[in-house]
Amino acid sequence: MSITDLETLRPPANVVAAGGRAQVTLSWDPVEGACGYQVYRADRADGPFEPVDHLGLDVLAVPHSPYCDTTGEPGRQYWYSVAALSSVDTPGTPSAPIAATPWTSGSAEVEFVVAADSDAGVLQRPWRFMIGSEHLSHLLSTETTGGRPIGTELAAALVAAKDNFGAQTVRAHGILCDDLGVYREVDGRPVYDFTGVDRIYDRLLSLGLRPVVELSFMPADLASEPDRTVFFYRAIISPPKDWDKWADLIRALVSHLIERHGRAEVLEWSFEVWNEANLEVFWSGTPAQFWRLYEVTARAVKDVDPALKVGGPASAAAGQIDEMLSTIDPDTPVDFVSTHTYGSPPLDIRPQLARHGRPGLPIWWTEWGVSPKHFHPVNDSVLSAAFLARGMRSAAGRIEALSYWVASDHFEELGRPQSLAHGGFGLRTVGDLAKPRFWALTMLERLGDRELHISAHGDGAGSLVEAWAGRDPDGSVAVVVWNGTLDQSKADGHTPLNRTVKLRFTGLSGRYTLRHFRVDEHHSNITGVWGRMSNGAAWPTEEQWERLHAANELARIGEDIEVDADVEMAFTLPMPAISLIELVPR
């Protein structure tokens, strides 16, 4: 199938727009072949209709219904339409317009009933397989940022991801960059030196983590355009000047890794070809040259051992999936498909793979986050915690890996951080303090092995406010409830979107200890703590570092409560906020 043959999908059926306090929730029936849906809005029934812009700055489409629009003015009527997408850039015919109005007032209550004796199958955890990181030569750095040791704290952040929510592998840029000296030419002859790579991967393995080897960027002596670079560390984005020498380099690297670490170990690794070549900033060649790069690289990996895993295209904004599978030679190895997106839950690209005769191919989102923008305040916000929970819940069961980009604010793509709360991509700050979204992943990891059924009712239940529950073999039950909109204009909170949550458990027996943990403006929010003490300073004093580390914990709401089998509770859940409620048998 050619990319030009993509089907224009029919409109979704049974589109419903329901008003609630400060929000409108849209729902619709799924469309066969759709990877996602674009929600449009207009002030009048005859338009003009524009995509609802929740300021995600990347992909505004969503993978499924429901969708909660909080960008409108309460009390004002709007008209909505929804189109199904066969690819991220190919919307189908929009549905007939329907009207809805966000309310100016209302009860603003939601109720969740957790069936503690139910079993909805294994609770899928797409966050476990992979976490993103700065180029891994940073692990070897003995320099400091804000007075804090770069290599030591990056390693600590990676270990925290492993220990707190089960991260297994690390994906990072630049293993072939010249700071590691892997390739040079002497009198036109290649010379390889993998000692820098060895130091990095030995260090990573010592932390209990494995690499996803992103085969990038181009060594200077092999580049056709060595002056074309990206990032503060000047990674070369050029095609190779000699395709055979590039293939030889890949074979030499992979062979060396097997010789050093053993075949059984490296078979647990994977190899991803390049990074976001559909953006000019990351690839100075033509699209045809990139597909050649993919084919040459993938075959070189398999030349060493056909059992090794290789994939791509590691594209930006969910792009290039159809292009890849319709362009490369059908015999070219593709063991997984990888792509990226920011600002929305990841799209469902399974229909795209099925169209090309590759159903069931593993799907890895090797970069995902709340914003693609460096130094954006939303990256430090509580809203990002609710965003992360929503995305992981959406992805569970349909994506093998959803890798948050990145583990630590020790990160220098556009230069090293100039202050503590600088809007960095990391789950943990310089100083190795947990941000709200780190705690969100920690909460999700504590949900238990088996997923439980939940029924939801009320104003924004299932769209603005969601819940996810699980049970462990010892009978412990946990539920995570979050209140968060995709609308980043309300990252600092919006009182009309606060909700009263009523939570009821059925099917329990015996007595339990109930514990309530919370992330909100005043709990588990290290950025808020620093904001209240910083007085405009860029970095903490030693005394302030001590106070920040003392506050670096997942906060409890109240004391432990002893409860019997009939458990009902109610609490206010601000927007944004996320709560974990645990019931532990006595």
Protein backbone atom coordinates (compact mmCIF):
# COMPACT_ATOMS: atom_id res chain seq x y z
CA MET A 1 0.00 0.00 0.00
CA SER A 2 1.28 3.46 -0.89
CA ILE A 3 0.95 6.41 1.47
CA THR A 4 -1.08 8.07 -1.28
CA ASP A 5 -3.62 5.22 -1.10
CA LEU A 6 -4.69 5.91 2.47
CA GLU A 7 -8.42 5.64 2.96
CA THR A 8 -10.50 8.67 3.91
CA LEU A 9 -12.37 7.25 6.87
CA ARG A 10 -16.06 7.68 7.53
CA PRO A 11 -17.22 9.95 10.36
CA PRO A 12 -17.57 8.42 13.81
CA ALA A 13 -21.11 7.38 14.70
CA ASN A 14 -23.05 8.30 17.83
CA VAL A 15 -21.08 11.44 18.60
CA VAL A 16 -22.34 12.90 21.88
CA ALA A 17 -21.33 16.22 23.46
CA ALA A 18 -22.33 16.61 27.12
CA GLY A 19 -21.85 19.80 29.10
CA GLY A 20 -20.55 19.84 32.66
CA ARG A 21 -19.11 22.46 34.97
CA ALA A 22 -16.40 24.30 32.97
CA GLN A 23 -16.09 21.40 30.54
CA VAL A 24 -17.69 19.56 27.62
CA THR A 25 -17.14 15.81 27.26
CA LEU A 26 -17.36 14.27 23.80
CA SER A 27 -17.78 10.57 23.13
CA TRP A 28 -18.17 8.56 19.93
CA ASP A 29 -18.06 5.05 18.52
CA PRO A 30 -14.67 3.82 17.28
CA VAL A 31 -14.06 3.73 13.53
CA GLU A 32 -12.40 0.68 12.01
CA GLY A 33 -8.95 1.57 10.66
CA ALA A 34 -8.56 4.76 12.72
CA CYS A 35 -5.31 5.52 14.53
CA GLY A 36 -6.90 8.47 16.29
CA TYR A 37 -9.49 11.23 16.20
CA GLN A 38 -9.41 14.98 15.72
CA VAL A 39 -11.94 17.04 17.66
CA TYR A 40 -13.04 20.26 15.97
CA ARG A 41 -14.98 23.21 17.41
CA ALA A 42 -16.74 26.28 16.03
CA ASP A 43 -18.83 29.14 17.36
CA ARG A 44 -21.61 28.41 14.86
CA ALA A 45 -23.10 25.32 13.26
CA ASP A 46 -21.80 26.38 9.84
CA GLY A 47 -18.26 26.91 11.10
CA PRO A 48 -15.49 27.59 10.52
CA PHE A 49 -14.33 24.51 12.47
CA GLU A 50 -10.81 24.37 13.87
CA PRO A 51 -9.05 21.64 15.87
CA VAL A 52 -9.47 22.11 19.60
CA ASP A 53 -6.05 23.36 20.66
CA HIS A 54 -5.13 22.18 24.15
CA LEU A 55 -1.62 23.66 23.67
CA GLY A 56 0.20 20.35 23.51
CA LEU A 57 2.42 21.83 20.75
CA ASP A 58 2.74 18.52 18.88
CA VAL A 59 -0.10 16.10 18.07
CA LEU A 60 -3.56 17.43 19.02
CA ALA A 61 -5.40 14.26 17.94
CA VAL A 62 -6.35 11.69 20.58
CA PRO A 63 -6.44 7.89 20.32
CA HIS A 64 -10.02 7.28 21.43
CA SER A 65 -13.09 8.66 23.13
CA PRO A 66 -13.94 10.32 25.49
CA TYR A 67 -12.38 13.77 25.08
CA CYS A 68 -12.79 16.54 27.64
CA ASP A 69 -12.66 20.10 26.28
CA THR A 70 -11.93 22.69 28.95
CA THR A 71 -10.76 25.45 26.58
CA GLY A 72 -14.20 27.01 26.09
CA GLU A 73 -15.90 29.83 27.96
CA PRO A 74 -18.50 28.57 30.47
CA GLY A 75 -22.04 29.54 29.52
CA ARG A 76 -21.19 29.89 25.83
CA GLN A 77 -22.54 27.46 23.26
CA TYR A 78 -20.12 25.72 20.90
CA TRP A 79 -20.48 23.34 17.99
CA TYR A 80 -18.35 20.20 17.78
CA SER A 81 -17.38 17.72 15.09
CA VAL A 82 -15.07 14.69 15.15
CA ALA A 83 -13.03 13.11 12.33
CA ALA A 84 -11.28 9.74 12.31
CA LEU A 85 -7.63 9.65 11.18
CA SER A 86 -6.16 6.87 9.05
CA SER A 87 -2.73 8.37 9.81
CA VAL A 88 -1.70 11.33 11.93
CA ASP A 89 -1.82 13.58 8.84
CA THR A 90 -4.91 12.08 7.16
CA PRO A 91 -8.22 13.06 8.76
CA GLY A 92 -11.41 11.60 7.39
CA THR A 93 -14.80 13.19 6.89
CA PRO A 94 -15.94 15.12 9.99
CA SER A 95 -19.15 14.16 11.76
CA ALA A 96 -22.25 16.34 11.65
CA PRO A 97 -21.98 19.31 14.03
CA ILE A 98 -23.59 19.04 17.46
CA ALA A 99 -23.96 21.73 20.09
CA ALA A 100 -22.92 21.76 23.74
CA THR A 101 -22.29 24.36 26.42
CA PRO A 102 -19.85 24.18 29.36
CA TRP A 103 -21.77 25.02 32.52
CA THR A 104 -21.03 27.98 34.73
CA SER A 105 -22.03 25.99 37.83
CA GLY A 106 -23.16 22.53 38.88
CA SER A 107 -22.69 19.84 41.52
CA ALA A 108 -19.26 18.80 40.17
CA GLU A 109 -19.38 15.33 41.74
CA VAL A 110 -17.99 12.09 40.36
CA GLU A 111 -18.45 8.61 41.73
CA PHE A 112 -16.28 5.54 41.17
CA VAL A 113 -17.31 2.06 42.28
CA VAL A 114 -14.40 -0.40 42.43
CA ALA A 115 -15.34 -4.08 42.23
CA ALA A 116 -12.60 -5.46 44.46
CA ASP A 117 -13.60 -9.09 43.75
CA SER A 118 -13.53 -8.67 39.96
CA ASP A 119 -10.72 -9.59 37.56
CA ALA A 120 -10.14 -7.61 34.35
CA GLY A 121 -6.89 -9.42 33.55
CA VAL A 122 -3.24 -8.61 34.07
CA LEU A 123 -2.73 -4.91 34.81
CA GLN A 124 -0.57 -3.77 31.92
CA ARG A 125 2.37 -1.48 32.73
CA PRO A 126 3.71 0.20 29.56
CA TRP A 127 6.03 2.41 31.65
CA ARG A 128 8.23 -0.47 32.81
CA PHE A 129 10.10 -1.38 29.66
CA MET A 130 11.89 1.87 28.89
CA ILE A 131 12.87 5.30 30.20
CA GLY A 132 14.55 8.10 28.26
CA SER A 133 17.82 9.78 29.14
CA GLU A 134 20.29 12.42 28.02
CA HIS A 135 23.16 11.16 25.83
CA LEU A 136 24.74 8.57 28.06
CA SER A 137 28.25 10.02 28.02
CA HIS A 138 26.65 12.31 30.63
CA LEU A 139 26.91 9.31 32.99
CA LEU A 140 30.68 9.70 32.89
CA SER A 141 30.66 13.44 33.61
CA THR A 142 32.49 14.66 36.71
CA GLU A 143 31.30 18.25 36.15
CA THR A 144 28.51 19.96 38.08
CA THR A 145 25.30 21.86 37.36
CA GLY A 146 24.00 24.09 40.14
CA GLY A 147 26.78 22.65 42.26
CA ARG A 148 25.41 19.13 41.84
CA PRO A 149 27.42 16.25 40.27
CA ILE A 150 26.07 15.45 36.80
CA GLY A 151 27.11 11.82 36.31
CA THR A 152 26.31 10.74 39.85
CA GLU A 153 22.84 12.29 39.85
CA LEU A 154 21.94 11.05 36.36
CA ALA A 155 22.81 7.54 37.52
CA ALA A 156 20.73 8.04 40.68
CA ALA A 157 17.72 9.16 38.63
CA LEU A 158 17.96 6.07 36.42
CA VAL A 159 18.19 3.83 39.48
CA ALA A 160 15.20 5.60 41.02
CA ALA A 161 13.20 4.84 37.88
CA LYS A 162 14.19 1.18 38.15
CA ASP A 163 13.48 0.90 41.85
CA ASN A 164 10.25 2.93 42.00
CA PHE A 165 8.42 1.87 38.86
CA GLY A 166 10.33 -0.97 37.31
CA ALA A 167 12.20 0.66 34.40
CA GLN A 168 14.25 -1.99 32.60
CA THR A 169 15.98 -0.25 29.68
CA VAL A 170 17.31 3.21 28.84
CA ARG A 171 17.04 4.91 25.47
CA ALA A 172 19.36 7.82 24.73
CA HIS A 173 20.89 9.75 21.84
CA GLY A 174 24.40 9.94 20.52
CA ILE A 175 26.26 6.68 21.13
CA LEU A 176 28.17 7.29 17.86
CA CYS A 177 28.97 10.95 18.52
CA ASP A 178 32.57 12.09 18.46
CA ASP A 179 32.74 12.74 22.22
CA LEU A 180 33.16 8.95 22.51
CA GLY A 181 35.58 8.70 19.58
CA VAL A 182 34.09 5.56 18.09
CA TYR A 183 35.21 6.28 14.52
CA ARG A 184 37.97 8.13 12.75
CA GLU A 185 39.84 7.68 9.50
CA VAL A 186 43.59 7.50 9.03
CA ASP A 187 44.69 7.82 5.39
CA GLY A 188 41.08 7.07 4.43
CA ARG A 189 40.94 3.83 6.43
CA PRO A 190 38.45 3.40 9.29
CA VAL A 191 39.73 3.13 12.85
CA TYR A 192 37.28 2.02 15.55
CA ASP A 193 37.57 2.70 19.26
CA PHE A 194 34.77 1.39 21.46
CA THR A 195 36.40 2.04 24.83
CA GLY A 196 34.08 5.00 25.52
CA VAL A 197 31.02 2.94 24.60
CA ASP A 198 32.28 0.21 26.90
CA ARG A 199 32.60 2.60 29.84
CA ILE A 200 29.02 3.80 29.31
CA TYR A 201 27.38 0.42 28.90
CA ASP A 202 29.42 -1.10 31.73
CA ARG A 203 28.15 1.71 33.95
CA LEU A 204 24.55 1.28 32.81
CA LEU A 205 24.62 -2.47 33.33
CA SER A 206 26.12 -1.96 36.79
CA LEU A 207 22.98 0.04 37.62
CA GLY A 208 20.80 -2.94 36.70
CA LEU A 209 19.58 -1.44 33.42
CA ARG A 210 20.05 -2.33 29.75
CA PRO A 211 20.40 -0.02 26.74
CA VAL A 212 18.10 0.54 23.82
CA VAL A 213 20.91 1.37 21.40
CA GLU A 214 19.82 4.36 19.34
CA LEU A 215 22.22 4.20 16.39
CA SER A 216 23.00 7.90 16.08
CA PHE A 217 24.46 10.38 15.25
CA MET A 218 27.07 10.47 12.44
CA PRO A 219 30.81 10.50 13.26
CA ALA A 220 32.51 13.52 11.66
CA ASP A 221 34.97 11.53 9.58
CA LEU A 222 32.10 9.52 8.11
CA ALA A 223 29.66 12.41 7.53
CA SER A 224 28.90 13.80 4.08
CA GLU A 225 28.04 17.14 5.75
CA PRO A 226 30.00 17.30 9.02
CA ASP A 227 28.99 20.92 9.65
CA ARG A 228 25.27 20.05 9.87
CA THR A 229 24.67 19.62 13.61
CA VAL A 230 22.02 19.75 16.32
CA PHE A 231 22.07 20.36 20.06
CA PHE A 232 24.51 22.02 22.41
CA TYR A 233 26.87 19.07 21.96
CA ARG A 234 26.82 19.43 18.14
CA ALA A 235 25.57 16.00 17.10
CA ILE A 236 26.04 15.54 13.34
CA ILE A 237 22.77 14.91 11.48
CA SER A 238 24.24 14.11 8.06
CA PRO A 239 23.95 10.99 5.93
CA PRO A 240 27.20 9.01 5.60
CA LYS A 241 29.62 9.88 2.83
CA ASP A 242 30.20 6.16 2.31
CA TRP A 243 27.34 3.74 2.87
CA ASP A 244 29.60 0.67 3.00
CA LYS A 245 31.75 2.24 5.73
CA TRP A 246 28.61 3.07 7.72
CA ALA A 247 27.41 -0.54 7.46
CA ASP A 248 30.86 -1.77 8.49
CA LEU A 249 30.80 0.52 11.54
CA ILE A 250 27.43 -0.85 12.63
CA ARG A 251 28.60 -4.44 12.19
CA ALA A 252 31.80 -3.71 14.07
CA LEU A 253 29.92 -2.06 16.97
CA VAL A 254 27.36 -4.84 17.30
CA SER A 255 30.00 -7.55 17.03
CA HIS A 256 32.04 -5.82 19.72
CA LEU A 257 29.05 -5.59 22.05
CA ILE A 258 28.39 -9.32 21.71
CA GLU A 259 32.06 -10.15 22.25
CA ARG A 260 32.22 -7.98 25.36
CA HIS A 261 28.87 -8.74 26.98
CA GLY A 262 27.93 -12.12 25.54
CA ARG A 263 25.30 -13.08 23.01
CA ALA A 264 22.67 -13.98 25.61
CA GLU A 265 22.95 -10.53 27.19
CA VAL A 266 22.87 -8.50 23.96
CA LEU A 267 19.87 -10.48 22.71
CA GLU A 268 18.01 -8.74 25.55
CA TRP A 269 18.98 -5.35 24.08
CA SER A 270 17.51 -3.68 21.00
CA PHE A 271 18.74 -1.36 18.25
CA GLU A 272 16.81 1.68 17.02
CA VAL A 273 17.80 3.45 13.80
CA TRP A 274 18.44 7.20 14.21
CA ASN A 275 16.09 9.80 15.75
CA GLU A 276 13.24 11.85 14.22
CA ALA A 277 14.52 11.92 10.65
CA ASN A 278 11.19 13.41 9.54
CA LEU A 279 12.41 16.68 11.09
CA GLU A 280 15.05 18.64 9.20
CA VAL A 281 16.71 19.54 12.48
CA PHE A 282 17.65 15.84 12.91
CA TRP A 283 18.33 14.74 9.31
CA SER A 284 20.02 16.83 6.63
CA GLY A 285 19.45 14.24 3.91
CA THR A 286 16.39 13.44 1.82
CA PRO A 287 13.62 11.06 2.89
CA ALA A 288 14.93 8.55 0.34
CA GLN A 289 18.34 8.72 1.96
CA PHE A 290 16.84 8.03 5.34
CA TRP A 291 15.02 4.94 4.14
CA ARG A 292 18.33 3.79 2.67
CA LEU A 293 19.96 4.45 6.05
CA TYR A 294 17.29 2.35 7.75
CA GLU A 295 17.68 -0.55 5.32
CA VAL A 296 21.50 -0.52 5.43
CA THR A 297 21.57 -0.23 9.24
CA ALA A 298 18.94 -2.87 9.97
CA ARG A 299 20.61 -5.37 7.67
CA ALA A 300 24.02 -4.66 9.19
CA VAL A 301 22.66 -5.45 12.66
CA LYS A 302 21.12 -8.69 11.41
CA ASP A 303 24.35 -9.61 9.59
CA VAL A 304 25.94 -9.99 13.01
CA ASP A 305 23.08 -12.05 14.45
CA PRO A 306 19.62 -12.48 12.91
CA ALA A 307 18.12 -12.86 16.41
CA LEU A 308 18.97 -9.28 17.42
CA LYS A 309 16.05 -6.81 17.56
CA VAL A 310 16.15 -3.73 15.30
CA GLY A 311 13.46 -1.18 14.44
CA GLY A 312 12.42 2.40 13.79
CA PRO A 313 11.71 4.91 12.34
CA ALA A 314 11.90 6.75 15.73
CA SER A 315 9.85 9.49 14.10
CA ALA A 316 8.52 12.74 15.52
CA ALA A 317 4.81 13.36 16.03
CA ALA A 318 3.62 9.86 15.11
CA GLY A 319 4.80 10.40 11.53
CA GLN A 320 6.40 8.18 8.90
CA ILE A 321 4.69 4.94 9.94
CA ASP A 322 2.86 4.39 6.66
CA GLU A 323 5.79 5.86 4.72
CA MET A 324 8.21 3.41 6.30
CA LEU A 325 6.14 0.30 5.78
CA SER A 326 5.25 1.25 2.19
CA THR A 327 8.75 2.43 1.17
CA ILE A 328 11.39 0.10 2.54
CA ASP A 329 12.09 -3.23 0.87
CA PRO A 330 9.61 -5.80 2.25
CA ASP A 331 12.54 -8.00 3.29
CA THR A 332 14.09 -5.28 5.43
CA PRO A 333 14.01 -6.27 9.12
CA VAL A 334 11.51 -4.43 11.33
CA ASP A 335 11.20 -6.07 14.74
CA PHE A 336 9.39 -3.13 16.33
CA VAL A 337 7.92 0.18 15.20
CA SER A 338 8.95 3.24 17.19
CA THR A 339 7.69 6.80 17.16
CA HIS A 340 7.22 9.82 19.46
CA THR A 341 4.59 12.31 20.51
CA TYR A 342 4.05 15.02 23.12
CA GLY A 343 1.07 16.79 24.66
CA SER A 344 -1.55 14.05 24.06
CA PRO A 345 -1.95 10.36 24.81
CA PRO A 346 -0.20 8.26 22.12
CA LEU A 347 -2.26 7.40 19.06
CA ASP A 348 -3.27 3.82 18.27
CA ILE A 349 -1.11 2.86 15.28
CA ARG A 350 -2.17 -0.81 15.27
CA PRO A 351 -4.56 -0.26 12.33
CA GLN A 352 -1.68 1.22 10.33
CA LEU A 353 0.46 -1.84 10.95
CA ALA A 354 -2.41 -4.14 10.00
CA ARG A 355 -2.91 -2.30 6.70
CA HIS A 356 0.66 -3.16 5.77
CA GLY A 357 0.38 -6.82 6.71
CA ARG A 358 2.26 -6.47 10.01
CA PRO A 359 -0.38 -6.93 12.73
CA GLY A 360 1.02 -7.65 16.15
CA LEU A 361 4.33 -5.90 15.52
CA PRO A 362 5.54 -4.46 18.86
CA ILE A 363 4.89 -0.71 19.22
CA TRP A 364 7.37 1.40 21.14
CA TRP A 365 6.84 5.08 21.84
CA THR A 366 10.49 5.76 22.60
CA GLU A 367 9.78 9.39 23.48
CA TRP A 368 6.62 10.70 25.08
CA GLY A 369 5.94 13.64 27.35
CA VAL A 370 3.69 16.51 28.33
CA SER A 371 5.49 19.01 26.07
CA PRO A 372 8.12 18.93 23.31
CA LYS A 373 9.33 22.38 24.38
CA HIS A 374 12.52 22.78 26.36
CA PHE A 375 12.27 24.95 29.49
CA HIS A 376 8.45 24.89 29.57
CA PRO A 377 6.88 25.38 33.03
CA VAL A 378 4.36 22.60 32.41
CA ASN A 379 7.21 20.09 32.68
CA ASP A 380 7.53 20.88 36.39
CA SER A 381 3.79 21.10 37.06
CA VAL A 382 1.27 18.94 38.88
CA LEU A 383 -0.74 18.87 35.63
CA SER A 384 2.02 16.74 34.14
CA ALA A 385 1.34 14.06 36.79
CA ALA A 386 -2.31 13.74 35.77
CA PHE A 387 -1.25 13.86 32.10
CA LEU A 388 1.14 10.98 32.65
CA ALA A 389 -1.48 8.85 34.41
CA ARG A 390 -4.00 9.49 31.62
CA GLY A 391 -1.51 8.55 28.90
CA MET A 392 -0.37 5.37 30.58
CA ARG A 393 -3.94 4.26 31.22
CA SER A 394 -4.81 4.94 27.58
CA ALA A 395 -1.77 3.00 26.32
CA ALA A 396 -2.13 -0.03 28.59
CA GLY A 397 -2.81 -3.19 26.59
CA ARG A 398 -2.18 -1.70 23.15
CA ILE A 399 1.44 -0.48 23.40
CA GLU A 400 4.43 -2.48 24.61
CA ALA A 401 6.49 0.54 25.68
CA LEU A 402 5.61 4.13 26.52
CA SER A 403 8.89 5.76 27.48
CA TYR A 404 8.76 9.07 29.32
CA TRP A 405 11.35 11.54 28.02
CA VAL A 406 13.46 11.82 30.25
CA ALA A 407 14.62 10.55 33.65
CA SER A 408 16.65 13.54 34.84
CA ASP A 409 17.01 17.29 34.40
CA HIS A 410 20.73 16.67 33.94
CA PHE A 411 20.16 17.27 30.25
CA GLU A 412 21.97 19.53 27.82
CA GLU A 413 20.35 19.43 24.38
CA LEU A 414 19.96 23.22 24.42
CA GLY A 415 22.52 23.83 27.14
CA ARG A 416 22.72 22.91 30.80
CA PRO A 417 20.05 24.09 33.27
CA GLN A 418 20.44 27.61 34.62
CA SER A 419 18.13 27.16 37.62
CA LEU A 420 16.43 24.47 39.65
CA ALA A 421 12.84 24.97 38.44
CA HIS A 422 13.58 25.63 34.78
CA GLY A 423 10.90 23.50 33.12
CA GLY A 424 13.24 20.64 32.30
CA PHE A 425 12.15 17.37 30.71
CA GLY A 426 13.29 15.25 33.67
CA LEU A 427 11.16 13.23 36.02
CA ARG A 428 13.72 14.28 38.65
CA THR A 429 15.40 17.64 39.11
CA VAL A 430 19.02 18.65 39.29
CA GLY A 431 19.62 17.69 42.91
CA ASP A 432 17.73 14.42 42.25
CA LEU A 433 14.38 15.54 43.68
CA ALA A 434 11.21 13.85 42.45
CA LYS A 435 8.84 15.97 40.39
CA PRO A 436 5.07 15.39 40.53
CA ARG A 437 5.04 13.11 37.50
CA PHE A 438 7.71 10.86 39.04
CA TRP A 439 5.28 10.30 41.90
CA ALA A 440 2.50 9.62 39.38
CA LEU A 441 4.47 6.70 37.96
CA THR A 442 5.29 5.50 41.48
CA MET A 443 1.56 5.51 42.28
CA LEU A 444 0.68 3.56 39.14
CA GLU A 445 3.33 0.96 39.89
CA ARG A 446 1.61 0.28 43.24
CA LEU A 447 -1.71 -0.70 41.65
CA GLY A 448 -1.30 -4.47 41.94
CA ASP A 449 -1.05 -7.39 39.53
CA ARG A 450 -4.68 -7.82 38.46
CA GLU A 451 -6.81 -5.01 37.10
CA LEU A 452 -10.22 -4.42 38.66
CA HIS A 453 -13.44 -3.27 37.04
CA ILE A 454 -14.57 0.27 37.84
CA SER A 455 -17.85 1.99 37.07
CA ALA A 456 -17.84 5.78 36.77
CA HIS A 457 -20.61 8.37 36.99
CA GLY A 458 -20.86 12.12 37.30
CA ASP A 459 -19.58 15.39 35.92
CA GLY A 460 -16.49 14.55 33.86
CA ALA A 461 -16.16 10.99 35.21
CA GLY A 462 -14.04 8.98 32.78
CA SER A 463 -12.88 12.05 30.85
CA LEU A 464 -11.75 14.84 33.19
CA VAL A 465 -11.50 12.57 36.23
CA GLU A 466 -10.36 8.98 35.76
CA ALA A 467 -9.55 6.01 37.97
CA TRP A 468 -7.50 2.82 37.63
CA ALA A 469 -7.55 0.00 40.17
CA GLY A 470 -5.72 -3.24 40.85
CA ARG A 471 -5.36 -6.07 43.36
CA ASP A 472 -2.33 -8.00 44.62
CA PRO A 473 -2.31 -11.71 45.54
CA ASP A 474 -2.22 -10.82 49.25
CA GLY A 475 -5.63 -9.15 48.87
CA SER A 476 -4.36 -5.57 48.88
CA VAL A 477 -6.42 -3.25 46.69
CA ALA A 478 -5.27 0.08 45.29
CA VAL A 479 -6.88 2.74 43.13
CA VAL A 480 -5.34 5.80 41.53
CA VAL A 481 -7.71 8.69 40.78
CA TRP A 482 -6.62 11.77 38.85
CA ASN A 483 -8.20 15.05 37.82
CA GLY A 484 -6.48 16.62 34.84
CA THR A 485 -7.29 18.25 31.54
CA LEU A 486 -5.11 18.16 28.43
CA ASP A 487 -5.62 21.94 28.31
CA GLN A 488 -2.23 23.33 29.31
CA SER A 489 -3.58 26.86 29.71
CA LYS A 490 -4.89 25.59 33.06
CA ALA A 491 -1.66 23.97 34.22
CA ASP A 492 -1.67 26.10 37.39
CA GLY A 493 -5.17 24.96 38.30
CA HIS A 494 -8.73 26.09 37.63
CA THR A 495 -11.16 26.00 40.56
CA PRO A 496 -14.32 25.32 38.49
CA LEU A 497 -12.70 22.05 37.40
CA ASN A 498 -12.20 20.81 40.97
CA ARG A 499 -14.34 17.78 41.71
CA THR A 500 -15.74 15.97 44.73
CA VAL A 501 -14.83 12.30 44.36
CA LYS A 502 -16.97 9.63 45.96
CA LEU A 503 -15.17 6.30 46.03
CA ARG A 504 -16.86 3.03 46.96
CA PHE A 505 -15.44 -0.50 47.08
CA THR A 506 -17.54 -3.63 46.69
CA GLY A 507 -16.57 -7.26 47.11
CA LEU A 508 -14.21 -6.75 50.04
CA SER A 509 -14.04 -9.07 53.08
CA GLY A 510 -12.33 -8.63 56.41
CA ARG A 511 -10.65 -5.52 57.79
CA TYR A 512 -8.19 -3.21 56.08
CA THR A 513 -5.81 -0.36 56.71
CA LEU A 514 -6.64 2.55 54.41
CA ARG A 515 -3.86 4.91 53.27
CA HIS A 516 -4.29 7.98 51.08
CA PHE A 517 -1.40 9.55 49.16
CA ARG A 518 -1.68 12.74 47.12
CA VAL A 519 0.05 14.87 44.50
CA ASP A 520 -1.34 18.40 44.21
CA GLU A 521 -0.23 21.99 44.65
CA HIS A 522 0.63 21.43 48.31
CA HIS A 523 1.55 17.73 48.37
CA SER A 524 4.43 15.85 46.68
CA ASN A 525 5.22 18.98 44.67
CA ILE A 526 8.87 19.88 45.04
CA THR A 527 8.55 22.75 42.56
CA GLY A 528 5.96 24.34 44.82
CA VAL A 529 8.19 23.85 47.86
CA TRP A 530 11.09 25.54 46.08
CA GLY A 531 8.88 28.35 44.82
CA ARG A 532 7.85 29.19 48.38
CA MET A 533 11.42 29.34 49.65
CA SER A 534 13.50 30.50 46.67
CA ASN A 535 12.87 34.27 46.86
CA GLY A 536 13.87 34.47 43.21
CA ALA A 537 17.16 32.58 43.56
CA ALA A 538 18.28 30.29 40.76
CA TRP A 539 19.73 27.58 43.01
CA PRO A 540 19.24 26.57 46.64
CA THR A 541 21.72 27.19 49.40
CA GLU A 542 23.07 24.16 51.25
CA GLU A 543 20.49 24.70 53.99
CA GLN A 544 17.73 24.90 51.38
CA TRP A 545 18.96 21.71 49.68
CA GLU A 546 18.58 19.96 53.03
CA ARG A 547 15.03 21.25 53.41
CA LEU A 548 14.15 20.23 49.86
CA HIS A 549 15.47 16.72 50.36
CA ALA A 550 13.51 16.44 53.60
CA ALA A 551 10.34 17.31 51.61
CA ASN A 552 11.19 14.86 48.81
CA GLU A 553 8.55 12.23 49.53
CA LEU A 554 5.16 10.99 48.41
CA ALA A 555 2.86 12.83 50.80
CA ARG A 556 0.13 11.25 52.90
CA ILE A 557 -3.35 12.67 53.40
CA GLY A 558 -4.26 12.14 57.04
CA GLU A 559 -3.37 9.10 59.14
CA ASP A 560 -3.95 5.42 58.51
CA ILE A 561 -7.60 4.45 58.98
CA GLU A 562 -8.89 1.04 60.03
CA VAL A 563 -11.93 0.08 57.93
CA ASP A 564 -14.16 -2.91 57.45
CA ALA A 565 -15.42 -4.43 54.21
CA ASP A 566 -17.89 -1.63 53.50
CA VAL A 567 -15.54 1.12 52.38
CA GLU A 568 -16.87 4.44 51.18
CA MET A 569 -15.00 7.72 51.17
CA ALA A 570 -15.30 11.19 49.68
CA PHE A 571 -12.66 13.84 49.11
CA THR A 572 -12.06 16.96 47.07
CA LEU A 573 -9.74 16.40 44.13
CA PRO A 574 -8.45 19.66 42.70
CA MET A 575 -7.59 20.09 39.06
CA PRO A 576 -4.79 19.15 38.73
CA ALA A 577 -4.24 16.42 41.32
CA ILE A 578 -3.78 12.68 41.66
CA SER A 579 -4.59 10.41 44.61
CA LEU A 580 -3.56 6.87 45.50
CA ILE A 581 -5.80 4.99 47.94
CA GLU A 582 -4.47 1.69 49.27
CA LEU A 583 -6.42 -0.91 51.23
CA VAL A 584 -4.09 -3.36 52.96
CA PRO A 585 -5.60 -6.42 54.71
CA ARG A 586 -5.02 -6.56 58.46
